[in-house]
Amino acid sequence: MTEIRDKIAVKRRTKEEKEKLLFEIQKLGVIAGCRRYSIDPSTYYVWLERYQAHGINGLEDRRSQNHDAMIRKLEKENKILKELMVEKDLEIRMQAELLKKKMEQWKNVKK
């Protein structure tokens, strides 16, 4: 199955190309237009719905944008978590040193 998907080229169209295709398909009719331009009718209707709701900006390819935004968000979160770990590690080291000093002081007082 994945071999078949690898062989099928996924065409990425610009928002302007999608808008032009919407108008062309409307002129030809949905079935004939989708066949002519090799577009699945469900894809046409998704594009049409987005176009009607948001205009030409609704036709932008959002696949990579969402992925890139998610990566940036996770990288930022990862950086914050690393900083917190460093702070906690430093805090634990300082507490251990203080405890060691206190133990030495108590030992010296008992003598």
PDB file of N, CA and C in Angstrom:
ATOM      1  N   MET A   1       0.825  -1.204   0.000  1.00  0.00           N
ATOM      2  CA  MET A   1       0.000   0.000   0.000  1.00  0.00           C
ATOM      3  C   MET A   1       0.864   1.261   0.000  1.00  0.00           C
ATOM      4  N   THR A   2       1.905   1.278   0.839  1.00  0.00           N
ATOM      5  CA  THR A   2       2.769   2.466   0.871  1.00  0.00           C
ATOM      6  C   THR A   2       3.536   2.627  -0.431  1.00  0.00           C
ATOM      7  N   GLU A   3       3.831   1.505  -1.091  1.00  0.00           N
ATOM      8  CA  GLU A   3       4.523   1.587  -2.371  1.00  0.00           C
ATOM      9  C   GLU A   3       3.648   2.305  -3.395  1.00  0.00           C
ATOM     10  N   ILE A   4       2.365   2.028  -3.358  1.00  0.00           N
ATOM     11  CA  ILE A   4       1.440   2.676  -4.285  1.00  0.00           C
ATOM     12  C   ILE A   4       1.390   4.171  -3.994  1.00  0.00           C
ATOM     13  N   ARG A   5       1.320   4.541  -2.710  1.00  0.00           N
ATOM     14  CA  ARG A   5       1.275   5.955  -2.351  1.00  0.00           C
ATOM     15  C   ARG A   5       2.535   6.680  -2.773  1.00  0.00           C
ATOM     16  N   ASP A   6       3.677   6.011  -2.656  1.00  0.00           N
ATOM     17  CA  ASP A   6       4.933   6.630  -3.043  1.00  0.00           C
ATOM     18  C   ASP A   6       4.961   6.943  -4.539  1.00  0.00           C
ATOM     19  N   LYS A   7       4.306   6.109  -5.330  1.00  0.00           N
ATOM     20  CA  LYS A   7       4.321   6.303  -6.772  1.00  0.00           C
ATOM     21  C   LYS A   7       3.334   7.382  -7.224  1.00  0.00           C
ATOM     22  N   ILE A   8       2.307   7.614  -6.423  1.00  0.00           N
ATOM     23  CA  ILE A   8       1.318   8.629  -6.776  1.00  0.00           C
ATOM     24  C   ILE A   8       1.853   9.987  -6.331  1.00  0.00           C
ATOM     25  N   ALA A   9       1.971  10.886  -7.276  1.00  0.00           N
ATOM     26  CA  ALA A   9       2.474  12.218  -6.963  1.00  0.00           C
ATOM     27  C   ALA A   9       1.343  13.074  -6.396  1.00  0.00           C
ATOM     28  N   VAL A  10       1.596  13.701  -5.275  1.00  0.00           N
ATOM     29  CA  VAL A  10       0.620  14.591  -4.676  1.00  0.00           C
ATOM     30  C   VAL A  10       0.904  15.985  -5.198  1.00  0.00           C
ATOM     31  N   LYS A  11      -0.078  16.532  -5.906  1.00  0.00           N
ATOM     32  CA  LYS A  11       0.095  17.856  -6.504  1.00  0.00           C
ATOM     33  C   LYS A  11      -0.298  18.911  -5.486  1.00  0.00           C
ATOM     34  N   ARG A  12       0.622  19.781  -5.186  1.00  0.00           N
ATOM     35  CA  ARG A  12       0.323  20.905  -4.309  1.00  0.00           C
ATOM     36  C   ARG A  12       0.045  22.110  -5.181  1.00  0.00           C
ATOM     37  N   ARG A  13      -1.105  22.663  -4.969  1.00  0.00           N
ATOM     38  CA  ARG A  13      -1.519  23.814  -5.772  1.00  0.00           C
ATOM     39  C   ARG A  13      -1.523  25.070  -4.910  1.00  0.00           C
ATOM     40  N   THR A  14      -1.245  26.192  -5.543  1.00  0.00           N
ATOM     41  CA  THR A  14      -1.306  27.464  -4.832  1.00  0.00           C
ATOM     42  C   THR A  14      -2.767  27.843  -4.630  1.00  0.00           C
ATOM     43  N   LYS A  15      -2.990  28.798  -3.741  1.00  0.00           N
ATOM     44  CA  LYS A  15      -4.364  29.222  -3.498  1.00  0.00           C
ATOM     45  C   LYS A  15      -4.986  29.855  -4.754  1.00  0.00           C
ATOM     46  N   GLU A  16      -4.160  30.500  -5.564  1.00  0.00           N
ATOM     47  CA  GLU A  16      -4.673  31.093  -6.809  1.00  0.00           C
ATOM     48  C   GLU A  16      -5.095  30.008  -7.804  1.00  0.00           C
ATOM     49  N   GLU A  17      -4.278  28.947  -7.881  1.00  0.00           N
ATOM     50  CA  GLU A  17      -4.628  27.829  -8.766  1.00  0.00           C
ATOM     51  C   GLU A  17      -5.918  27.157  -8.316  1.00  0.00           C
ATOM     52  N   LYS A  18      -6.071  26.988  -7.013  1.00  0.00           N
ATOM     53  CA  LYS A  18      -7.286  26.379  -6.487  1.00  0.00           C
ATOM     54  C   LYS A  18      -8.507  27.236  -6.798  1.00  0.00           C
ATOM     55  N   GLU A  19      -8.359  28.557  -6.653  1.00  0.00           N
ATOM     56  CA  GLU A  19      -9.471  29.458  -6.953  1.00  0.00           C
ATOM     57  C   GLU A  19      -9.867  29.351  -8.423  1.00  0.00           C
ATOM     58  N   LYS A  20      -8.874  29.330  -9.299  1.00  0.00           N
ATOM     59  CA  LYS A  20      -9.147  29.203 -10.732  1.00  0.00           C
ATOM     60  C   LYS A  20      -9.853  27.879 -11.035  1.00  0.00           C
ATOM     61  N   LEU A  21      -9.381  26.797 -10.406  1.00  0.00           N
ATOM     62  CA  LEU A  21     -10.013  25.494 -10.608  1.00  0.00           C
ATOM     63  C   LEU A  21     -11.451  25.494 -10.111  1.00  0.00           C
ATOM     64  N   LEU A  22     -11.721  26.150  -9.001  1.00  0.00           N
ATOM     65  CA  LEU A  22     -13.094  26.223  -8.494  1.00  0.00           C
ATOM     66  C   LEU A  22     -14.024  26.838  -9.533  1.00  0.00           C
ATOM     67  N   PHE A  23     -13.587  27.937 -10.146  1.00  0.00           N
ATOM     68  CA  PHE A  23     -14.417  28.603 -11.156  1.00  0.00           C
ATOM     69  C   PHE A  23     -14.572  27.745 -12.410  1.00  0.00           C
ATOM     70  N   GLU A  24     -13.482  27.096 -12.830  1.00  0.00           N
ATOM     71  CA  GLU A  24     -13.534  26.233 -14.021  1.00  0.00           C
ATOM     72  C   GLU A  24     -14.475  25.043 -13.794  1.00  0.00           C
ATOM     73  N   ILE A  25     -14.383  24.443 -12.629  1.00  0.00           N
ATOM     74  CA  ILE A  25     -15.227  23.281 -12.327  1.00  0.00           C
ATOM     75  C   ILE A  25     -16.689  23.699 -12.239  1.00  0.00           C
ATOM     76  N   GLN A  26     -16.944  24.881 -11.708  1.00  0.00           N
ATOM     77  CA  GLN A  26     -18.325  25.366 -11.649  1.00  0.00           C
ATOM     78  C   GLN A  26     -18.897  25.548 -13.053  1.00  0.00           C
ATOM     79  N   LYS A  27     -18.064  26.003 -13.994  1.00  0.00           N
ATOM     80  CA  LYS A  27     -18.523  26.182 -15.378  1.00  0.00           C
ATOM     81  C   LYS A  27     -18.821  24.841 -16.040  1.00  0.00           C
ATOM     82  N   LEU A  28     -17.929  23.873 -15.816  1.00  0.00           N
ATOM     83  CA  LEU A  28     -18.062  22.572 -16.468  1.00  0.00           C
ATOM     84  C   LEU A  28     -19.051  21.639 -15.768  1.00  0.00           C
ATOM     85  N   GLY A  29     -19.314  21.891 -14.527  1.00  0.00           N
ATOM     86  CA  GLY A  29     -20.096  20.968 -13.710  1.00  0.00           C
ATOM     87  C   GLY A  29     -19.130  20.182 -12.840  1.00  0.00           C
ATOM     88  N   VAL A  30     -19.592  19.798 -11.677  1.00  0.00           N
ATOM     89  CA  VAL A  30     -18.698  19.184 -10.694  1.00  0.00           C
ATOM     90  C   VAL A  30     -18.097  17.887 -11.211  1.00  0.00           C
ATOM     91  N   ILE A  31     -18.923  16.982 -11.705  1.00  0.00           N
ATOM     92  CA  ILE A  31     -18.423  15.671 -12.133  1.00  0.00           C
ATOM     93  C   ILE A  31     -17.441  15.819 -13.293  1.00  0.00           C
ATOM     94  N   ALA A  32     -17.850  16.526 -14.335  1.00  0.00           N
ATOM     95  CA  ALA A  32     -16.999  16.684 -15.521  1.00  0.00           C
ATOM     96  C   ALA A  32     -15.727  17.474 -15.189  1.00  0.00           C
ATOM     97  N   GLY A  33     -15.856  18.533 -14.407  1.00  0.00           N
ATOM     98  CA  GLY A  33     -14.707  19.369 -14.050  1.00  0.00           C
ATOM     99  C   GLY A  33     -13.698  18.626 -13.191  1.00  0.00           C
ATOM    100  N   CYS A  34     -14.208  17.869 -12.230  1.00  0.00           N
ATOM    101  CA  CYS A  34     -13.295  17.106 -11.366  1.00  0.00           C
ATOM    102  C   CYS A  34     -12.564  16.031 -12.162  1.00  0.00           C
ATOM    103  N   ARG A  35     -13.264  15.394 -13.089  1.00  0.00           N
ATOM    104  CA  ARG A  35     -12.606  14.387 -13.930  1.00  0.00           C
ATOM    105  C   ARG A  35     -11.532  15.035 -14.803  1.00  0.00           C
ATOM    106  N   ARG A  36     -11.886  16.178 -15.382  1.00  0.00           N
ATOM    107  CA  ARG A  36     -10.951  16.848 -16.291  1.00  0.00           C
ATOM    108  C   ARG A  36      -9.661  17.261 -15.573  1.00  0.00           C
ATOM    109  N   TYR A  37      -9.792  17.755 -14.362  1.00  0.00           N
ATOM    110  CA  TYR A  37      -8.624  18.246 -13.633  1.00  0.00           C
ATOM    111  C   TYR A  37      -8.082  17.236 -12.615  1.00  0.00           C
ATOM    112  N   SER A  38      -8.604  16.031 -12.649  1.00  0.00           N
ATOM    113  CA  SER A  38      -8.162  14.940 -11.765  1.00  0.00           C
ATOM    114  C   SER A  38      -8.226  15.335 -10.286  1.00  0.00           C
ATOM    115  N   ILE A  39      -9.366  15.860  -9.912  1.00  0.00           N
ATOM    116  CA  ILE A  39      -9.594  16.254  -8.527  1.00  0.00           C
ATOM    117  C   ILE A  39     -10.764  15.433  -8.002  1.00  0.00           C
ATOM    118  N   ASP A  40     -10.616  14.915  -6.808  1.00  0.00           N
ATOM    119  CA  ASP A  40     -11.710  14.182  -6.181  1.00  0.00           C
ATOM    120  C   ASP A  40     -12.832  15.161  -5.837  1.00  0.00           C
ATOM    121  N   PRO A  41     -14.063  14.809  -6.097  1.00  0.00           N
ATOM    122  CA  PRO A  41     -15.165  15.729  -5.785  1.00  0.00           C
ATOM    123  C   PRO A  41     -15.201  16.167  -4.317  1.00  0.00           C
ATOM    124  N   SER A  42     -14.822  15.280  -3.403  1.00  0.00           N
ATOM    125  CA  SER A  42     -14.810  15.678  -1.987  1.00  0.00           C
ATOM    126  C   SER A  42     -13.781  16.790  -1.759  1.00  0.00           C
ATOM    127  N   THR A  43     -12.657  16.717  -2.453  1.00  0.00           N
ATOM    128  CA  THR A  43     -11.645  17.779  -2.355  1.00  0.00           C
ATOM    129  C   THR A  43     -12.209  19.088  -2.889  1.00  0.00           C
ATOM    130  N   TYR A  44     -12.917  19.013  -4.007  1.00  0.00           N
ATOM    131  CA  TYR A  44     -13.548  20.202  -4.579  1.00  0.00           C
ATOM    132  C   TYR A  44     -14.484  20.851  -3.561  1.00  0.00           C
ATOM    133  N   TYR A  45     -15.321  20.040  -2.920  1.00  0.00           N
ATOM    134  CA  TYR A  45     -16.287  20.586  -1.975  1.00  0.00           C
ATOM    135  C   TYR A  45     -15.608  21.155  -0.721  1.00  0.00           C
ATOM    136  N   VAL A  46     -14.512  20.555  -0.301  1.00  0.00           N
ATOM    137  CA  VAL A  46     -13.751  21.102   0.829  1.00  0.00           C
ATOM    138  C   VAL A  46     -13.189  22.466   0.442  1.00  0.00           C
ATOM    139  N   TRP A  47     -12.590  22.540  -0.737  1.00  0.00           N
ATOM    140  CA  TRP A  47     -12.058  23.822  -1.222  1.00  0.00           C
ATOM    141  C   TRP A  47     -13.159  24.866  -1.316  1.00  0.00           C
ATOM    142  N   LEU A  48     -14.301  24.469  -1.883  1.00  0.00           N
ATOM    143  CA  LEU A  48     -15.424  25.392  -2.073  1.00  0.00           C
ATOM    144  C   LEU A  48     -15.915  25.912  -0.726  1.00  0.00           C
ATOM    145  N   GLU A  49     -16.026  25.031   0.247  1.00  0.00           N
ATOM    146  CA  GLU A  49     -16.485  25.434   1.584  1.00  0.00           C
ATOM    147  C   GLU A  49     -15.506  26.416   2.209  1.00  0.00           C
ATOM    148  N   ARG A  50     -14.227  26.129   2.103  1.00  0.00           N
ATOM    149  CA  ARG A  50     -13.218  27.033   2.661  1.00  0.00           C
ATOM    150  C   ARG A  50     -13.202  28.375   1.938  1.00  0.00           C
ATOM    151  N   TYR A  51     -13.378  28.318   0.627  1.00  0.00           N
ATOM    152  CA  TYR A  51     -13.385  29.550  -0.177  1.00  0.00           C
ATOM    153  C   TYR A  51     -14.578  30.415   0.198  1.00  0.00           C
ATOM    154  N   GLN A  52     -15.727  29.788   0.369  1.00  0.00           N
ATOM    155  CA  GLN A  52     -16.925  30.546   0.726  1.00  0.00           C
ATOM    156  C   GLN A  52     -16.822  31.121   2.140  1.00  0.00           C
ATOM    157  N   ALA A  53     -16.169  30.410   3.025  1.00  0.00           N
ATOM    158  CA  ALA A  53     -16.056  30.871   4.409  1.00  0.00           C
ATOM    159  C   ALA A  53     -14.959  31.910   4.611  1.00  0.00           C
ATOM    160  N   HIS A  54     -13.801  31.724   3.943  1.00  0.00           N
ATOM    161  CA  HIS A  54     -12.639  32.573   4.222  1.00  0.00           C
ATOM    162  C   HIS A  54     -12.058  33.274   3.003  1.00  0.00           C
ATOM    163  N   GLY A  55     -12.666  33.121   1.859  1.00  0.00           N
ATOM    164  CA  GLY A  55     -12.126  33.741   0.658  1.00  0.00           C
ATOM    165  C   GLY A  55     -10.888  32.991   0.178  1.00  0.00           C
ATOM    166  N   ILE A  56     -10.071  33.677  -0.596  1.00  0.00           N
ATOM    167  CA  ILE A  56      -8.897  33.019  -1.189  1.00  0.00           C
ATOM    168  C   ILE A  56      -7.908  32.535  -0.120  1.00  0.00           C
ATOM    169  N   ASN A  57      -7.843  33.205   1.028  1.00  0.00           N
ATOM    170  CA  ASN A  57      -6.922  32.772   2.091  1.00  0.00           C
ATOM    171  C   ASN A  57      -7.308  31.420   2.684  1.00  0.00           C
ATOM    172  N   GLY A  58      -8.559  31.049   2.553  1.00  0.00           N
ATOM    173  CA  GLY A  58      -8.994  29.745   3.026  1.00  0.00           C
ATOM    174  C   GLY A  58      -8.460  28.602   2.185  1.00  0.00           C
ATOM    175  N   LEU A  59      -7.940  28.924   1.000  1.00  0.00           N
ATOM    176  CA  LEU A  59      -7.430  27.898   0.092  1.00  0.00           C
ATOM    177  C   LEU A  59      -5.940  27.626   0.265  1.00  0.00           C
ATOM    178  N   GLU A  60      -5.301  28.294   1.206  1.00  0.00           N
ATOM    179  CA  GLU A  60      -3.874  28.063   1.425  1.00  0.00           C
ATOM    180  C   GLU A  60      -3.631  26.634   1.884  1.00  0.00           C
ATOM    181  N   ASP A  61      -2.494  26.097   1.477  1.00  0.00           N
ATOM    182  CA  ASP A  61      -2.101  24.748   1.896  1.00  0.00           C
ATOM    183  C   ASP A  61      -1.664  24.825   3.343  1.00  0.00           C
ATOM    184  N   ARG A  62      -2.410  24.152   4.213  1.00  0.00           N
ATOM    185  CA  ARG A  62      -2.151  24.250   5.646  1.00  0.00           C
ATOM    186  C   ARG A  62      -1.367  23.070   6.184  1.00  0.00           C
ATOM    187  N   ARG A  63      -1.031  22.116   5.357  1.00  0.00           N
ATOM    188  CA  ARG A  63      -0.352  20.913   5.853  1.00  0.00           C
ATOM    189  C   ARG A  63       0.988  21.249   6.489  1.00  0.00           C
ATOM    190  N   SER A  64       1.847  21.947   5.788  1.00  0.00           N
ATOM    191  CA  SER A  64       3.180  22.224   6.320  1.00  0.00           C
ATOM    192  C   SER A  64       3.140  23.309   7.388  1.00  0.00           C
ATOM    193  N   GLN A  65       2.208  24.240   7.301  1.00  0.00           N
ATOM    194  CA  GLN A  65       2.133  25.303   8.292  1.00  0.00           C
ATOM    195  C   GLN A  65       1.836  24.730   9.663  1.00  0.00           C
ATOM    196  N   ASN A  66       0.874  23.839   9.744  1.00  0.00           N
ATOM    197  CA  ASN A  66       0.529  23.241  11.029  1.00  0.00           C
ATOM    198  C   ASN A  66       1.703  22.437  11.573  1.00  0.00           C
ATOM    199  N   HIS A  67       2.367  21.726  10.716  1.00  0.00           N
ATOM    200  CA  HIS A  67       3.498  20.899  11.135  1.00  0.00           C
ATOM    201  C   HIS A  67       4.639  21.777  11.648  1.00  0.00           C
ATOM    202  N   ASP A  68       4.959  22.823  10.897  1.00  0.00           N
ATOM    203  CA  ASP A  68       6.041  23.719  11.308  1.00  0.00           C
ATOM    204  C   ASP A  68       5.701  24.431  12.614  1.00  0.00           C
ATOM    205  N   ALA A  69       4.459  24.864  12.755  1.00  0.00           N
ATOM    206  CA  ALA A  69       4.047  25.546  13.981  1.00  0.00           C
ATOM    207  C   ALA A  69       4.126  24.608  15.175  1.00  0.00           C
ATOM    208  N   MET A  70       3.722  23.371  14.972  1.00  0.00           N
ATOM    209  CA  MET A  70       3.775  22.394  16.055  1.00  0.00           C
ATOM    210  C   MET A  70       5.224  22.123  16.459  1.00  0.00           C
ATOM    211  N   ILE A  71       6.109  22.016  15.478  1.00  0.00           N
ATOM    212  CA  ILE A  71       7.525  21.787  15.775  1.00  0.00           C
ATOM    213  C   ILE A  71       8.098  22.963  16.573  1.00  0.00           C
ATOM    214  N   ARG A  72       7.785  24.189  16.157  1.00  0.00           N
ATOM    215  CA  ARG A  72       8.281  25.371  16.880  1.00  0.00           C
ATOM    216  C   ARG A  72       7.756  25.391  18.315  1.00  0.00           C
ATOM    217  N   LYS A  73       6.490  25.053  18.480  1.00  0.00           N
ATOM    218  CA  LYS A  73       5.885  25.040  19.813  1.00  0.00           C
ATOM    219  C   LYS A  73       6.566  23.993  20.691  1.00  0.00           C
ATOM    220  N   LEU A  74       6.788  22.803  20.152  1.00  0.00           N
ATOM    221  CA  LEU A  74       7.432  21.741  20.925  1.00  0.00           C
ATOM    222  C   LEU A  74       8.882  22.074  21.248  1.00  0.00           C
ATOM    223  N   GLU A  75       9.589  22.705  20.300  1.00  0.00           N
ATOM    224  CA  GLU A  75      10.972  23.108  20.561  1.00  0.00           C
ATOM    225  C   GLU A  75      11.037  24.140  21.685  1.00  0.00           C
ATOM    226  N   LYS A  76      10.100  25.083  21.676  1.00  0.00           N
ATOM    227  CA  LYS A  76      10.055  26.107  22.718  1.00  0.00           C
ATOM    228  C   LYS A  76       9.763  25.463  24.079  1.00  0.00           C
ATOM    229  N   GLU A  77       8.787  24.558  24.093  1.00  0.00           N
ATOM    230  CA  GLU A  77       8.440  23.850  25.327  1.00  0.00           C
ATOM    231  C   GLU A  77       9.624  23.017  25.835  1.00  0.00           C
ATOM    232  N   ASN A  78      10.324  22.362  24.922  1.00  0.00           N
ATOM    233  CA  ASN A  78      11.496  21.559  25.269  1.00  0.00           C
ATOM    234  C   ASN A  78      12.585  22.428  25.894  1.00  0.00           C
ATOM    235  N   LYS A  79      12.802  23.590  25.338  1.00  0.00           N
ATOM    236  CA  LYS A  79      13.818  24.511  25.861  1.00  0.00           C
ATOM    237  C   LYS A  79      13.468  24.934  27.284  1.00  0.00           C
ATOM    238  N   ILE A  80      12.200  25.249  27.514  1.00  0.00           N
ATOM    239  CA  ILE A  80      11.762  25.658  28.850  1.00  0.00           C
ATOM    240  C   ILE A  80      11.945  24.520  29.847  1.00  0.00           C
ATOM    241  N   LEU A  81      11.587  23.315  29.442  1.00  0.00           N
ATOM    242  CA  LEU A  81      11.731  22.163  30.329  1.00  0.00           C
ATOM    243  C   LEU A  81      13.195  21.885  30.662  1.00  0.00           C
ATOM    244  N   LYS A  82      14.072  22.035  29.678  1.00  0.00           N
ATOM    245  CA  LYS A  82      15.500  21.846  29.932  1.00  0.00           C
ATOM    246  C   LYS A  82      16.011  22.871  30.937  1.00  0.00           C
ATOM    247  N   GLU A  83      15.568  24.129  30.794  1.00  0.00           N
ATOM    248  CA  GLU A  83      15.986  25.173  31.728  1.00  0.00           C
ATOM    249  C   GLU A  83      15.501  24.851  33.141  1.00  0.00           C
ATOM    250  N   LEU A  84      14.270  24.360  33.246  1.00  0.00           N
ATOM    251  CA  LEU A  84      13.742  23.980  34.563  1.00  0.00           C
ATOM    252  C   LEU A  84      14.553  22.849  35.183  1.00  0.00           C
ATOM    253  N   MET A  85      14.940  21.879  34.352  1.00  0.00           N
ATOM    254  CA  MET A  85      15.746  20.764  34.853  1.00  0.00           C
ATOM    255  C   MET A  85      17.100  21.250  35.361  1.00  0.00           C
ATOM    256  N   VAL A  86      17.716  22.171  34.640  1.00  0.00           N
ATOM    257  CA  VAL A  86      19.011  22.708  35.063  1.00  0.00           C
ATOM    258  C   VAL A  86      18.859  23.436  36.392  1.00  0.00           C
ATOM    259  N   GLU A  87      17.781  24.230  36.518  1.00  0.00           N
ATOM    260  CA  GLU A  87      17.549  24.951  37.775  1.00  0.00           C
ATOM    261  C   GLU A  87      17.353  23.975  38.937  1.00  0.00           C
ATOM    262  N   LYS A  88      16.567  22.944  38.732  1.00  0.00           N
ATOM    263  CA  LYS A  88      16.313  21.951  39.781  1.00  0.00           C
ATOM    264  C   LYS A  88      17.596  21.212  40.153  1.00  0.00           C
ATOM    265  N   ASP A  89      18.383  20.864  39.157  1.00  0.00           N
ATOM    266  CA  ASP A  89      19.649  20.176  39.408  1.00  0.00           C
ATOM    267  C   ASP A  89      20.574  21.050  40.247  1.00  0.00           C
ATOM    268  N   LEU A  90      20.663  22.317  39.913  1.00  0.00           N
ATOM    269  CA  LEU A  90      21.487  23.257  40.669  1.00  0.00           C
ATOM    270  C   LEU A  90      20.974  23.384  42.105  1.00  0.00           C
ATOM    271  N   GLU A  91      19.669  23.466  42.256  1.00  0.00           N
ATOM    272  CA  GLU A  91      19.057  23.575  43.577  1.00  0.00           C
ATOM    273  C   GLU A  91      19.391  22.347  44.439  1.00  0.00           C
ATOM    274  N   ILE A  92      19.307  21.166  43.844  1.00  0.00           N
ATOM    275  CA  ILE A  92      19.609  19.926  44.566  1.00  0.00           C
ATOM    276  C   ILE A  92      21.075  19.888  44.978  1.00  0.00           C
ATOM    277  N   ARG A  93      21.964  20.320  44.093  1.00  0.00           N
ATOM    278  CA  ARG A  93      23.405  20.346  44.420  1.00  0.00           C
ATOM    279  C   ARG A  93      23.684  21.293  45.581  1.00  0.00           C
ATOM    280  N   MET A  94      23.049  22.451  45.532  1.00  0.00           N
ATOM    281  CA  MET A  94      23.260  23.433  46.602  1.00  0.00           C
ATOM    282  C   MET A  94      22.735  22.889  47.933  1.00  0.00           C
ATOM    283  N   GLN A  95      21.593  22.239  47.913  1.00  0.00           N
ATOM    284  CA  GLN A  95      21.045  21.659  49.143  1.00  0.00           C
ATOM    285  C   GLN A  95      21.966  20.568  49.684  1.00  0.00           C
ATOM    286  N   ALA A  96      22.523  19.756  48.794  1.00  0.00           N
ATOM    287  CA  ALA A  96      23.436  18.689  49.218  1.00  0.00           C
ATOM    288  C   ALA A  96      24.687  19.279  49.862  1.00  0.00           C
ATOM    289  N   GLU A  97      25.223  20.345  49.278  1.00  0.00           N
ATOM    290  CA  GLU A  97      26.411  20.990  49.839  1.00  0.00           C
ATOM    291  C   GLU A  97      26.107  21.596  51.207  1.00  0.00           C
ATOM    292  N   LEU A  98      24.948  22.252  51.322  1.00  0.00           N
ATOM    293  CA  LEU A  98      24.562  22.832  52.611  1.00  0.00           C
ATOM    294  C   LEU A  98      24.405  21.752  53.672  1.00  0.00           C
ATOM    295  N   LEU A  99      23.788  20.665  53.301  1.00  0.00           N
ATOM    296  CA  LEU A  99      23.597  19.557  54.232  1.00  0.00           C
ATOM    297  C   LEU A  99      24.947  18.987  54.684  1.00  0.00           C
ATOM    298  N   LYS A 100      25.870  18.869  53.748  1.00  0.00           N
ATOM    299  CA  LYS A 100      27.210  18.355  54.050  1.00  0.00           C
ATOM    300  C   LYS A 100      27.909  19.289  55.050  1.00  0.00           C
ATOM    301  N   LYS A 101      27.811  20.600  54.832  1.00  0.00           N
ATOM    302  CA  LYS A 101      28.435  21.576  55.720  1.00  0.00           C
ATOM    303  C   LYS A 101      27.806  21.522  57.111  1.00  0.00           C
ATOM    304  N   LYS A 102      26.488  21.411  57.164  1.00  0.00           N
ATOM    305  CA  LYS A 102      25.789  21.342  58.450  1.00  0.00           C
ATOM    306  C   LYS A 102      26.196  20.082  59.220  1.00  0.00           C
ATOM    307  N   MET A 103      26.312  18.973  58.498  1.00  0.00           N
ATOM    308  CA  MET A 103      26.710  17.719  59.135  1.00  0.00           C
ATOM    309  C   MET A 103      28.116  17.848  59.720  1.00  0.00           C
ATOM    310  N   GLU A 104      29.027  18.499  58.993  1.00  0.00           N
ATOM    311  CA  GLU A 104      30.397  18.706  59.487  1.00  0.00           C
ATOM    312  C   GLU A 104      30.377  19.599  60.723  1.00  0.00           C
ATOM    313  N   GLN A 105      29.537  20.652  60.704  1.00  0.00           N
ATOM    314  CA  GLN A 105      29.447  21.547  61.857  1.00  0.00           C
ATOM    315  C   GLN A 105      28.935  20.788  63.072  1.00  0.00           C
ATOM    316  N   TRP A 106      27.932  19.939  62.887  1.00  0.00           N
ATOM    317  CA  TRP A 106      27.362  19.169  64.011  1.00  0.00           C
ATOM    318  C   TRP A 106      28.388  18.175  64.560  1.00  0.00           C
ATOM    319  N   LYS A 107      29.158  17.595  63.654  1.00  0.00           N
ATOM    320  CA  LYS A 107      30.196  16.664  64.100  1.00  0.00           C
ATOM    321  C   LYS A 107      31.241  17.389  64.945  1.00  0.00           C
ATOM    322  N   ASN A 108      31.613  18.603  64.514  1.00  0.00           N
ATOM    323  CA  ASN A 108      32.615  19.393  65.239  1.00  0.00           C
ATOM    324  C   ASN A 108      32.080  19.864  66.586  1.00  0.00           C
ATOM    325  N   VAL A 109      30.809  20.166  66.694  1.00  0.00           N
ATOM    326  CA  VAL A 109      30.206  20.632  67.941  1.00  0.00           C
ATOM    327  C   VAL A 109      30.163  19.478  68.943  1.00  0.00           C
ATOM    328  N   LYS A 110      29.890  18.260  68.512  1.00  0.00           N
ATOM    329  CA  LYS A 110      29.786  17.099  69.387  1.00  0.00           C
ATOM    330  C   LYS A 110      31.134  16.716  69.979  1.00  0.00           C
ATOM    331  N   LYS A 111      32.219  17.031  69.303  1.00  0.00           N
ATOM    332  CA  LYS A 111      33.570  16.657  69.779  1.00  0.00           C
ATOM    333  C   LYS A 111      33.944  17.511  70.901  1.00  0.00           C
TER     334      LYS A 111
END
